[in-house]
Amino acid sequence: CSIVDVPVVEGGAYVCRPKVSPFKSNRLPLLVFSHGDAVLPGAYQGLLEQLASFGFAVVAYRSCQFSVSGVSLSSCRGGKASFFEILKLIEACTSNTTCGVLIDASMNVTVVGHSTG
């Protein structure tokens, strides 16, 4: 996985891709992962890599993070902000190469999450 700057999403996104594309076109179906309120997105890297190994471009927003006295915390306001972050990622990743990977926009987008994500 790598961190990619996605201009419409504060903090960018984690983007994971399979080691070998299972598709001739090298375009991948998009899977958006939404983290929960109490967990920072990086804690899910192993899961994101596992999902990508099945042939998905996995994108997880890195927003909804803030720091208090140097301690990083996460809050998407009980999931309310998560919905908008998901929509912004879908739009950015399917309309151009902003996410650093070619997305097959003709395929259904999968959205999964944990807790309030």
Protein backbone atom coordinates (compact mmCIF):
# COMPACT_ATOMS: atom_id res chain seq x y z
CA CYS A 1 0.00 0.00 0.00
CA SER A 2 1.04 3.56 -0.49
CA ILE A 3 -0.27 6.94 0.57
CA VAL A 4 -1.61 8.93 -2.36
CA ASP A 5 -2.54 12.59 -2.42
CA VAL A 6 -6.22 12.84 -3.35
CA PRO A 7 -6.93 16.59 -3.54
CA VAL A 8 -10.60 16.32 -2.48
CA VAL A 9 -9.78 14.24 0.61
CA GLU A 10 -7.85 15.84 3.46
CA GLY A 11 -4.88 13.62 4.27
CA GLY A 12 -5.17 11.70 1.01
CA ALA A 13 -5.77 7.96 0.94
CA TYR A 14 -4.14 4.58 1.40
CA VAL A 15 -4.15 2.83 -1.96
CA CYS A 16 -3.43 -0.89 -2.24
CA ARG A 17 -3.31 -2.85 -5.46
CA PRO A 18 -2.74 -6.51 -6.25
CA LYS A 19 0.84 -7.53 -7.05
CA VAL A 20 -0.36 -8.87 -10.42
CA SER A 21 -3.47 -7.56 -12.16
CA PRO A 22 -5.92 -10.36 -12.96
CA PHE A 23 -7.35 -8.29 -15.83
CA LYS A 24 -5.86 -7.85 -19.30
CA SER A 25 -6.69 -4.14 -19.33
CA ASN A 26 -4.85 -3.55 -16.01
CA ARG A 27 -7.96 -1.64 -14.87
CA LEU A 28 -9.21 -2.82 -11.51
CA PRO A 29 -12.57 -2.80 -9.73
CA LEU A 30 -12.70 -0.23 -6.91
CA LEU A 31 -13.17 -1.18 -3.27
CA VAL A 32 -13.48 1.74 -0.82
CA PHE A 33 -12.73 0.98 2.82
CA SER A 34 -14.10 3.22 5.56
CA HIS A 35 -12.41 3.16 8.97
CA GLY A 36 -14.21 3.43 12.29
CA ASP A 37 -14.20 6.43 14.62
CA ALA A 38 -11.78 5.15 17.24
CA VAL A 39 -9.18 3.58 14.93
CA LEU A 40 -6.72 5.32 12.65
CA PRO A 41 -6.82 4.12 9.01
CA GLY A 42 -3.25 2.78 9.04
CA ALA A 43 -4.27 0.10 11.54
CA TYR A 44 -6.08 -1.68 8.71
CA GLN A 45 -3.13 -1.97 6.31
CA GLY A 46 -2.93 -5.78 6.57
CA LEU A 47 -6.64 -6.09 5.81
CA LEU A 48 -6.38 -3.65 2.90
CA GLU A 49 -3.50 -5.63 1.41
CA GLN A 50 -5.48 -8.86 1.80
CA LEU A 51 -8.49 -7.34 0.00
CA ALA A 52 -6.24 -6.07 -2.81
CA SER A 53 -4.82 -9.58 -3.28
CA PHE A 54 -8.26 -10.61 -4.60
CA GLY A 55 -7.88 -8.22 -7.56
CA PHE A 56 -9.29 -4.96 -6.19
CA ALA A 57 -7.86 -1.46 -6.11
CA VAL A 58 -8.47 -0.76 -2.42
CA VAL A 59 -8.73 2.87 -1.37
CA ALA A 60 -9.14 4.07 2.22
CA TYR A 61 -9.48 7.76 3.09
CA ARG A 62 -7.08 9.20 5.66
CA SER A 63 -9.28 12.09 6.74
CA CYS A 64 -11.26 12.39 9.99
CA GLN A 65 -7.95 12.53 11.88
CA PHE A 66 -6.88 15.14 14.37
CA SER A 67 -4.29 15.56 17.08
CA VAL A 68 -4.70 16.48 20.74
CA SER A 69 -1.48 17.21 22.66
CA GLY A 70 0.47 15.31 20.01
CA VAL A 71 -1.73 12.21 20.18
CA SER A 72 -3.44 11.26 16.88
CA LEU A 73 -7.14 10.54 17.15
CA SER A 74 -9.86 9.66 14.67
CA SER A 75 -13.42 10.87 14.44
CA CYS A 76 -15.82 10.87 11.54
CA ARG A 77 -18.63 12.17 13.76
CA GLY A 78 -20.23 8.79 14.32
CA GLY A 79 -20.10 7.88 10.63
CA LYS A 80 -21.77 11.07 9.37
CA ALA A 81 -18.57 12.35 7.78
CA SER A 82 -17.60 8.88 6.51
CA PHE A 83 -20.39 8.88 3.93
CA PHE A 84 -19.09 12.06 2.29
CA GLU A 85 -15.49 10.86 2.31
CA ILE A 86 -16.60 7.66 0.56
CA LEU A 87 -18.46 9.63 -2.12
CA LYS A 88 -15.47 11.92 -2.69
CA LEU A 89 -13.16 8.92 -3.16
CA ILE A 90 -15.50 7.18 -5.57
CA GLU A 91 -15.78 10.32 -7.68
CA ALA A 92 -12.04 11.02 -7.64
CA CYS A 93 -10.93 7.46 -8.37
CA THR A 94 -13.43 6.65 -11.12
CA SER A 95 -13.21 9.94 -13.00
CA ASN A 96 -9.42 10.08 -13.48
CA THR A 97 -6.13 8.66 -12.23
CA THR A 98 -6.12 10.72 -9.02
CA CYS A 99 -5.84 7.55 -6.90
CA GLY A 100 -2.69 6.38 -8.66
CA VAL A 101 -4.29 3.26 -10.13
CA LEU A 102 -6.45 2.63 -13.18
CA ILE A 103 -10.05 1.94 -12.13
CA ASP A 104 -12.55 0.11 -14.30
CA ALA A 105 -15.50 2.49 -13.90
CA SER A 106 -17.78 0.05 -15.75
CA MET A 107 -17.62 -2.35 -12.79
CA ASN A 108 -19.61 -1.97 -9.58
CA VAL A 109 -17.89 -0.16 -6.72
CA THR A 110 -17.67 -2.08 -3.45
CA VAL A 111 -17.81 -0.18 -0.16
CA VAL A 112 -16.93 -1.84 3.15
CA GLY A 113 -16.14 -0.51 6.56
CA HIS A 114 -15.63 -1.14 10.23
CA SER A 115 -17.82 0.12 13.08
CA THR A 116 -19.01 3.65 12.20
CA GLY A 117 -17.10 3.47 8.90
